[in-house]
Amino acid sequence: MIPIAGSAYTYTYATMGELIAWIIGWDLILEYAVSNMAVSVGFAAHLVDMFDWFGWHPALRWISPAYLPSGLTDLQGNMLYAPGWHFGFNIPAFAVVMLLTVVLVRGIRESAETNNIMVILKIAAILAFVFAGMHYIHPANYHPFAPNGWSGILTGGSIIFFTYIGFDSVSTAAEEAKNPQRDLPIGIIATLIVCTLLYISVAVVLTGIVPWQRLIDDAAPVVNSLKQLGITTGSHSLHWIRLAVLFGAMMGMISSLLVFQLGQARVWFAMSRDGLLPKLFGRVHPRFRTPSTATWIAGFLVGIPGGILDIGTLADLSNIGTLFAFVLVSLGVIILRYKQPERRRGFRAPGGIAAPILSVLFCLLLMSGLPILTWIRFFVWLIIGLTVYMLYSRYRSEFCPEDRRR
């Protein structure tokens, strides 16, 4: 009853069958890959900011995405690139993904102690920004409080949703908990509360020290705001706080990239094992015993678009993929409770049938707040996936009758 290799894909396979499992597996490719593209662009922006802290300024064309829908301006508001396409490639975004791909192919084991250190660094960086920035808040920046009304709030909630992707991975560790019925709800809900408070704190301080319009399509808004604040006030302490925040943020993004690149390869490995993807995705390195082929393909699939596209475009695509995956998993909970009510469950979600129903409704509500262009791209991705399934995967599935195999 607990997802194993393949996470939500494996769970959906067991509850709703092969076709729906293929759809969510194809959707998870979009979710993991595009979210990591967005994180790689964010990491690159922070790395470039660190270069700036040390006084090194690489050529702009090699540290900027080729596609900038809102253009690119400096801190003084001078236009560096007009909106649209330009000749360039975000080398830091591509490089960090490929470097971590090499690490994953060779094998990595994340211990609880290492993970705790990373979490402490990330929280320390957030708190450093909040406590340093709160002294420079301008209340006038909060007026009007909701400049785009409720529709803007809904769209904002939809756009930041991909920051919650990591919480679904907690459930896959349920079989390792001593008492999942008690420990898992406490762990997930407590973490959600803490993270939500940290998100709100950062948003309040960030929009208080700079007008919200300056944050649009900024891949490193916190450190850029600290930089601008330091220049304006001449504060030497902000200069060092900016470095601390940079370091903590970069460590956090590296850990996220590692976890989700690893998860991407696991999904492909599971789909290959079931015959839905070619067997090469299930090949294991003879020495390192890792799914090396899937890991390399995932690296290039994430690294190249990460060097070309901006963070806003990528975040929107990641959000709709994540929300759709949550809808299918919630429907799977409802179906399983009706189809197999007698089956033994090591963990049962609290709230009865109301919890998955509310999950579906709220996910659909957030999806409705995303731009229409994101919906079009998502449907195109699903159509491509269904075409691959109809022409290839269903004829090579492990459940396909021998007389229909190709």
Protein backbone atom coordinates (compact mmCIF):
# COMPACT_ATOMS: atom_id res chain seq x y z
CA MET A 1 0.00 0.00 0.00
CA ILE A 2 3.05 2.27 0.09
CA PRO A 3 4.56 3.54 -3.20
CA ILE A 4 7.99 2.05 -3.91
CA ALA A 5 10.25 2.78 -6.91
CA GLY A 6 8.29 5.13 -9.12
CA SER A 7 6.37 6.90 -6.34
CA ALA A 8 2.93 8.10 -7.50
CA TYR A 9 3.34 6.19 -10.78
CA THR A 10 3.52 2.83 -8.97
CA TYR A 11 0.60 3.76 -6.70
CA THR A 12 -1.59 4.74 -9.64
CA TYR A 13 -0.64 1.55 -11.52
CA ALA A 14 -1.97 -0.51 -8.61
CA THR A 15 -5.21 1.46 -8.21
CA MET A 16 -6.33 2.69 -11.64
CA GLY A 17 -4.57 0.52 -14.18
CA GLU A 18 -1.95 0.88 -16.88
CA LEU A 19 -3.32 3.75 -18.98
CA ILE A 20 -3.80 6.11 -16.02
CA ALA A 21 -0.43 5.00 -14.66
CA TRP A 22 1.16 5.92 -17.99
CA ILE A 23 -0.51 9.34 -17.90
CA ILE A 24 0.76 10.08 -14.39
CA GLY A 25 4.20 8.68 -15.24
CA TRP A 26 4.35 10.95 -18.28
CA ASP A 27 3.10 13.79 -16.08
CA LEU A 28 5.79 13.07 -13.46
CA ILE A 29 8.41 13.43 -16.19
CA LEU A 30 7.05 16.95 -16.73
CA GLU A 31 6.82 17.64 -12.97
CA TYR A 32 10.32 16.49 -12.00
CA ALA A 33 12.12 17.66 -15.12
CA VAL A 34 10.57 21.12 -15.41
CA SER A 35 10.79 21.83 -11.67
CA ASN A 36 14.49 21.00 -11.79
CA MET A 37 14.91 23.22 -14.83
CA ALA A 38 13.42 26.08 -12.78
CA VAL A 39 15.66 25.25 -9.80
CA SER A 40 18.75 25.11 -12.04
CA VAL A 41 17.92 28.58 -13.43
CA GLY A 42 17.51 29.84 -9.86
CA PHE A 43 20.81 28.26 -8.83
CA ALA A 44 22.55 29.89 -11.81
CA ALA A 45 21.17 33.31 -10.82
CA HIS A 46 22.51 32.86 -7.29
CA LEU A 47 25.89 31.65 -8.57
CA VAL A 48 26.16 34.69 -10.83
CA ASP A 49 25.29 36.87 -7.85
CA MET A 50 28.08 35.22 -5.89
CA PHE A 51 30.47 35.96 -8.76
CA ASP A 52 29.32 39.56 -8.49
CA TRP A 53 29.97 39.54 -4.73
CA PHE A 54 33.60 38.60 -5.45
CA GLY A 55 33.84 41.17 -8.24
CA TRP A 56 33.75 38.88 -11.29
CA HIS A 57 31.28 39.71 -14.07
CA PRO A 58 31.11 37.10 -16.89
CA ALA A 59 29.72 37.97 -20.31
CA LEU A 60 25.96 38.45 -20.03
CA ARG A 61 25.10 36.20 -22.97
CA TRP A 62 26.61 33.15 -21.22
CA ILE A 63 24.80 33.61 -17.90
CA SER A 64 21.32 34.52 -19.20
CA PRO A 65 18.57 32.33 -20.71
CA ALA A 66 18.04 32.67 -24.45
CA TYR A 67 14.33 33.34 -23.85
CA LEU A 68 13.40 36.32 -21.66
CA PRO A 69 9.66 37.09 -21.97
CA SER A 70 9.96 40.20 -19.78
CA GLY A 71 13.43 41.19 -20.90
CA LEU A 72 16.34 41.79 -18.54
CA THR A 73 17.17 44.92 -16.58
CA ASP A 74 19.85 45.85 -14.07
CA LEU A 75 19.21 47.16 -10.55
CA GLN A 76 18.94 50.73 -11.88
CA GLY A 77 16.20 49.71 -14.31
CA ASN A 78 18.36 49.93 -17.44
CA MET A 79 17.26 47.53 -20.18
CA LEU A 80 19.97 44.93 -20.88
CA TYR A 81 17.90 42.66 -23.13
CA ALA A 82 14.56 43.39 -24.77
CA PRO A 83 11.71 40.91 -24.21
CA GLY A 84 11.89 37.80 -26.38
CA TRP A 85 14.67 35.64 -27.77
CA HIS A 86 18.33 36.60 -27.94
CA PHE A 87 21.65 34.88 -28.61
CA GLY A 88 22.80 33.33 -25.34
CA PHE A 89 22.89 30.27 -23.11
CA ASN A 90 22.74 29.97 -19.33
CA ILE A 91 25.94 27.97 -18.84
CA PRO A 92 25.79 27.86 -14.98
CA ALA A 93 22.30 26.29 -15.12
CA PHE A 94 23.45 23.65 -17.59
CA ALA A 95 26.74 23.00 -15.77
CA VAL A 96 25.25 22.37 -12.32
CA VAL A 97 22.77 19.82 -13.72
CA MET A 98 25.48 17.94 -15.61
CA LEU A 99 27.83 17.97 -12.61
CA LEU A 100 25.12 16.50 -10.39
CA THR A 101 24.30 13.96 -13.11
CA VAL A 102 27.87 12.66 -12.87
CA VAL A 103 27.48 12.43 -9.08
CA LEU A 104 24.20 10.49 -9.42
CA VAL A 105 25.65 8.06 -11.99
CA ARG A 106 28.52 7.29 -9.62
CA GLY A 107 26.04 6.87 -6.78
CA ILE A 108 25.15 8.98 -3.75
CA ARG A 109 23.67 8.10 -0.38
CA GLU A 110 22.02 10.89 1.54
CA SER A 111 22.31 10.24 5.29
CA ALA A 112 19.94 11.69 7.86
CA GLU A 113 22.79 13.67 9.40
CA THR A 114 23.76 15.26 6.08
CA ASN A 115 20.13 16.08 5.36
CA ASN A 116 19.74 17.71 8.78
CA ILE A 117 22.79 19.90 8.16
CA MET A 118 21.38 21.01 4.80
CA VAL A 119 18.03 21.84 6.39
CA ILE A 120 19.72 23.87 9.14
CA LEU A 121 21.72 25.83 6.53
CA LYS A 122 18.60 26.60 4.51
CA ILE A 123 16.58 27.72 7.54
CA ALA A 124 19.50 29.82 8.80
CA ALA A 125 19.72 31.60 5.43
CA ILE A 126 15.98 32.33 5.46
CA LEU A 127 16.04 33.64 9.03
CA ALA A 128 19.12 35.78 8.30
CA PHE A 129 17.25 37.49 5.47
CA VAL A 130 14.03 37.93 7.48
CA PHE A 131 15.70 39.46 10.54
CA ALA A 132 18.06 41.64 8.50
CA GLY A 133 15.41 42.84 6.04
CA MET A 134 12.65 43.58 8.55
CA HIS A 135 14.51 46.73 9.65
CA TYR A 136 14.26 48.20 6.12
CA ILE A 137 10.56 47.59 5.41
CA HIS A 138 8.66 50.47 3.79
CA PRO A 139 4.94 50.15 4.71
CA ALA A 140 4.02 52.13 1.58
CA ASN A 141 5.02 49.08 -0.50
CA TYR A 142 2.02 47.19 0.96
CA HIS A 143 -0.50 49.61 -0.60
CA PRO A 144 -2.52 48.42 -2.36
CA PHE A 145 -2.22 45.15 -0.43
CA ALA A 146 -3.62 42.95 -3.22
CA PRO A 147 -3.00 44.96 -6.41
CA ASN A 148 -4.42 42.26 -8.69
CA GLY A 149 -7.40 41.27 -6.52
CA TRP A 150 -8.50 37.73 -5.71
CA SER A 151 -7.64 36.51 -9.19
CA GLY A 152 -4.08 37.66 -8.59
CA ILE A 153 -3.99 35.81 -5.26
CA LEU A 154 -5.24 32.62 -6.94
CA THR A 155 -2.67 32.93 -9.72
CA GLY A 156 0.06 33.62 -7.17
CA GLY A 157 -0.90 30.53 -5.18
CA SER A 158 -0.83 28.46 -8.37
CA ILE A 159 2.57 29.78 -9.42
CA ILE A 160 4.34 29.11 -6.10
CA PHE A 161 2.80 25.65 -5.71
CA PHE A 162 5.85 23.86 -7.06
CA THR A 163 7.73 24.86 -3.90
CA TYR A 164 5.58 22.22 -2.16
CA ILE A 165 6.60 19.37 -4.47
CA GLY A 166 8.97 17.88 -1.88
CA PHE A 167 6.19 17.05 0.55
CA ASP A 168 4.86 14.19 -1.57
CA SER A 169 8.26 12.47 -1.32
CA VAL A 170 7.81 12.24 2.47
CA SER A 171 4.99 9.73 1.97
CA THR A 172 7.26 7.32 0.08
CA ALA A 173 9.30 6.88 3.28
CA ALA A 174 6.23 5.74 5.23
CA GLU A 175 7.34 2.11 5.29
CA GLU A 176 10.45 3.19 7.23
CA ALA A 177 8.44 4.89 9.98
CA LYS A 178 7.88 2.99 13.24
CA ASN A 179 4.27 4.14 13.48
CA PRO A 180 3.21 5.63 10.11
CA GLN A 181 -0.39 6.09 11.26
CA ARG A 182 0.81 8.61 13.85
CA ASP A 183 4.24 9.78 12.64
CA LEU A 184 3.43 10.61 9.02
CA PRO A 185 0.58 13.09 9.64
CA ILE A 186 2.60 14.79 12.39
CA GLY A 187 5.70 15.02 10.17
CA ILE A 188 3.93 16.32 7.07
CA ILE A 189 1.54 18.74 8.81
CA ALA A 190 4.23 20.15 11.14
CA THR A 191 6.60 20.66 8.21
CA LEU A 192 3.85 22.31 6.20
CA ILE A 193 3.13 24.73 9.05
CA VAL A 194 6.80 25.64 9.55
CA CYS A 195 7.46 26.07 5.81
CA THR A 196 4.31 28.12 5.30
CA LEU A 197 5.33 30.46 8.13
CA LEU A 198 8.80 30.82 6.57
CA TYR A 199 7.29 31.47 3.10
CA ILE A 200 4.97 34.14 4.52
CA SER A 201 7.82 35.76 6.45
CA VAL A 202 10.01 35.98 3.35
CA ALA A 203 7.13 37.32 1.24
CA VAL A 204 6.25 40.00 3.82
CA VAL A 205 9.85 41.19 4.17
CA LEU A 206 10.67 40.94 0.46
CA THR A 207 7.66 42.94 -0.73
CA GLY A 208 8.24 45.38 2.11
CA ILE A 209 11.80 46.32 1.16
CA VAL A 210 11.25 46.54 -2.63
CA PRO A 211 8.12 47.18 -4.75
CA TRP A 212 6.60 43.91 -5.97
CA GLN A 213 6.93 44.97 -9.62
CA ARG A 214 10.73 44.61 -9.39
CA LEU A 215 10.43 40.94 -8.45
CA ILE A 216 8.78 39.80 -11.69
CA ASP A 217 10.79 37.06 -13.47
CA ASP A 218 13.71 37.55 -11.07
CA ALA A 219 15.37 34.16 -10.49
CA ALA A 220 17.16 35.39 -7.34
CA PRO A 221 14.87 38.04 -5.82
CA VAL A 222 16.08 37.75 -2.22
CA VAL A 223 19.79 38.24 -2.86
CA ASN A 224 19.18 40.88 -5.54
CA SER A 225 16.98 42.80 -3.10
CA LEU A 226 19.71 42.57 -0.45
CA LYS A 227 22.24 43.83 -3.00
CA GLN A 228 20.07 46.79 -3.93
CA LEU A 229 19.38 47.51 -0.26
CA GLY A 230 23.08 47.39 0.53
CA ILE A 231 23.88 49.85 -2.27
CA THR A 232 21.07 52.20 -1.21
CA THR A 233 21.85 52.20 2.52
CA GLY A 234 25.61 51.67 2.35
CA SER A 235 25.29 49.02 5.09
CA HIS A 236 28.41 46.82 5.34
CA SER A 237 26.58 44.17 7.38
CA LEU A 238 24.06 43.61 4.56
CA HIS A 239 27.00 42.84 2.28
CA TRP A 240 27.96 39.86 4.46
CA ILE A 241 24.38 38.79 5.10
CA ARG A 242 23.90 38.63 1.35
CA LEU A 243 26.84 36.19 1.11
CA ALA A 244 25.40 34.00 3.89
CA VAL A 245 21.98 33.93 2.21
CA LEU A 246 23.62 33.09 -1.11
CA PHE A 247 25.49 30.14 0.38
CA GLY A 248 22.45 28.76 2.20
CA ALA A 249 20.18 29.14 -0.82
CA MET A 250 22.66 27.43 -3.15
CA MET A 251 23.10 24.49 -0.77
CA GLY A 252 19.34 24.12 -0.59
CA MET A 253 18.95 24.15 -4.37
CA ILE A 254 21.74 21.59 -4.82
CA SER A 255 19.98 19.18 -2.45
CA SER A 256 16.67 19.72 -4.31
CA LEU A 257 18.30 19.09 -7.68
CA LEU A 258 19.88 15.87 -6.40
CA VAL A 259 16.67 14.51 -4.92
CA PHE A 260 14.48 15.18 -7.95
CA GLN A 261 17.01 14.13 -10.57
CA LEU A 262 17.26 10.89 -8.63
CA GLY A 263 13.46 10.67 -8.51
CA GLN A 264 13.22 11.29 -12.26
CA ALA A 265 15.48 8.32 -13.00
CA ARG A 266 13.47 6.16 -10.57
CA VAL A 267 10.22 6.90 -12.40
CA TRP A 268 11.77 6.03 -15.76
CA PHE A 269 13.30 2.88 -14.26
CA ALA A 270 9.88 1.76 -12.98
CA MET A 271 8.17 2.51 -16.32
CA SER A 272 10.90 0.63 -18.18
CA ARG A 273 10.51 -2.34 -15.81
CA ASP A 274 6.79 -2.44 -16.68
CA GLY A 275 7.57 -2.30 -20.41
CA LEU A 276 6.10 1.17 -20.96
CA LEU A 277 9.48 2.70 -21.86
CA PRO A 278 12.37 1.12 -23.77
CA LYS A 279 14.59 -1.22 -21.74
CA LEU A 280 17.55 1.15 -22.05
CA PHE A 281 15.89 3.33 -19.36
CA GLY A 282 16.23 0.38 -16.99
CA ARG A 283 19.89 -0.34 -17.65
CA VAL A 284 22.04 -0.43 -14.53
CA HIS A 285 25.70 0.64 -14.53
CA PRO A 286 27.86 -2.51 -14.19
CA ARG A 287 30.16 -0.87 -11.62
CA PHE A 288 28.11 1.75 -9.77
CA ARG A 289 24.79 -0.18 -9.88
CA THR A 290 22.81 2.96 -10.73
CA PRO A 291 20.32 3.51 -13.62
CA SER A 292 23.01 5.35 -15.55
CA THR A 293 21.29 5.64 -18.94
CA ALA A 294 18.11 7.12 -17.46
CA THR A 295 20.19 9.45 -15.29
CA TRP A 296 22.22 10.77 -18.25
CA ILE A 297 19.09 11.28 -20.37
CA ALA A 298 17.43 13.10 -17.46
CA GLY A 299 20.53 15.28 -17.10
CA PHE A 300 20.46 16.47 -20.71
CA LEU A 301 16.65 16.75 -20.70
CA VAL A 302 16.87 19.16 -17.76
CA GLY A 303 20.21 20.88 -18.47
CA ILE A 304 19.63 22.04 -22.06
CA PRO A 305 16.18 23.68 -21.53
CA GLY A 306 17.53 25.09 -18.23
CA GLY A 307 20.11 26.97 -20.28
CA ILE A 308 17.53 28.32 -22.72
CA LEU A 309 14.32 29.16 -20.84
CA ASP A 310 13.51 31.63 -18.05
CA ILE A 311 12.35 30.65 -14.57
CA GLY A 312 8.77 31.96 -14.95
CA THR A 313 7.94 29.81 -17.98
CA LEU A 314 9.39 26.72 -16.31
CA ALA A 315 7.65 27.27 -12.96
CA ASP A 316 4.20 27.48 -14.60
CA LEU A 317 4.68 24.16 -16.41
CA SER A 318 5.96 22.46 -13.29
CA ASN A 319 2.96 23.63 -11.27
CA ILE A 320 0.30 22.28 -13.59
CA GLY A 321 2.10 18.94 -13.80
CA THR A 322 2.37 18.67 -10.01
CA LEU A 323 -1.25 19.64 -9.40
CA PHE A 324 -2.48 17.14 -12.00
CA ALA A 325 -0.42 14.38 -10.37
CA PHE A 326 -1.95 15.21 -6.98
CA VAL A 327 -5.44 15.05 -8.51
CA LEU A 328 -4.82 11.54 -9.85
CA VAL A 329 -3.30 10.28 -6.61
CA SER A 330 -6.27 11.67 -4.63
CA LEU A 331 -8.68 9.96 -7.03
CA GLY A 332 -6.67 6.76 -6.53
CA VAL A 333 -7.29 6.96 -2.76
CA ILE A 334 -11.05 7.28 -3.36
CA ILE A 335 -11.13 4.39 -5.85
CA LEU A 336 -9.07 2.09 -3.63
CA ARG A 337 -11.29 2.67 -0.61
CA TYR A 338 -14.32 1.57 -2.62
CA LYS A 339 -12.72 -1.24 -4.64
CA GLN A 340 -10.69 -2.83 -1.82
CA PRO A 341 -12.07 -1.65 1.55
CA GLU A 342 -10.94 -4.87 3.26
CA ARG A 343 -7.28 -4.58 2.23
CA ARG A 344 -4.82 -4.13 5.08
CA ARG A 345 -3.38 -0.60 5.21
CA GLY A 346 -0.13 0.25 6.97
CA PHE A 347 -1.20 3.88 6.79
CA ARG A 348 -4.62 5.43 6.35
CA ALA A 349 -4.98 9.14 5.53
CA PRO A 350 -6.94 11.06 8.19
CA GLY A 351 -10.20 12.83 7.37
CA GLY A 352 -11.96 9.89 5.76
CA ILE A 353 -13.26 10.28 2.22
CA ALA A 354 -13.49 14.08 2.64
CA ALA A 355 -9.68 14.52 2.51
CA PRO A 356 -9.08 13.19 -1.05
CA ILE A 357 -12.25 14.91 -2.33
CA LEU A 358 -11.12 18.27 -0.95
CA SER A 359 -7.64 17.62 -2.34
CA VAL A 360 -9.07 17.14 -5.84
CA LEU A 361 -11.22 20.28 -5.62
CA PHE A 362 -8.46 22.55 -4.32
CA CYS A 363 -5.93 21.24 -6.84
CA LEU A 364 -8.39 21.93 -9.68
CA LEU A 365 -9.03 25.41 -8.23
CA LEU A 366 -5.30 26.18 -8.24
CA MET A 367 -4.94 24.79 -11.76
CA SER A 368 -7.66 27.19 -12.92
CA GLY A 369 -5.46 30.10 -11.81
CA LEU A 370 -2.64 29.23 -14.21
CA PRO A 371 -2.25 31.09 -17.55
CA ILE A 372 -4.04 29.68 -20.59
CA LEU A 373 -0.72 29.23 -22.41
CA THR A 374 0.40 26.87 -19.63
CA TRP A 375 -2.77 24.79 -20.13
CA ILE A 376 -2.12 24.59 -23.88
CA ARG A 377 1.47 23.42 -23.32
CA PHE A 378 0.26 20.87 -20.76
CA PHE A 379 -2.37 19.40 -23.11
CA VAL A 380 0.19 19.21 -25.92
CA TRP A 381 2.50 17.29 -23.56
CA LEU A 382 -0.33 14.89 -22.63
CA ILE A 383 -1.27 14.34 -26.29
CA ILE A 384 2.36 13.50 -27.10
CA GLY A 385 2.39 11.05 -24.18
CA LEU A 386 -0.85 9.34 -25.23
CA THR A 387 0.49 9.03 -28.78
CA VAL A 388 3.64 7.32 -27.48
CA TYR A 389 1.49 4.97 -25.38
CA MET A 390 -0.85 4.04 -28.23
CA LEU A 391 1.92 3.47 -30.77
CA TYR A 392 4.58 1.89 -28.55
CA SER A 393 4.01 1.31 -24.83
CA ARG A 394 0.76 -0.68 -24.80
CA TYR A 395 2.25 -3.22 -27.21
CA ARG A 396 5.31 -3.77 -25.02
CA SER A 397 3.69 -3.70 -21.60
CA GLU A 398 4.31 -6.72 -19.37
CA PHE A 399 0.53 -7.29 -19.35
CA CYS A 400 0.18 -7.20 -23.14
CA PRO A 401 -0.91 -10.60 -24.57
CA GLU A 402 1.82 -12.37 -26.52
CA ASP A 403 -0.16 -12.30 -29.78
CA ARG A 404 -0.39 -8.48 -29.65
CA ARG A 405 3.26 -7.77 -28.84
CA ARG A 406 5.38 -5.98 -31.43
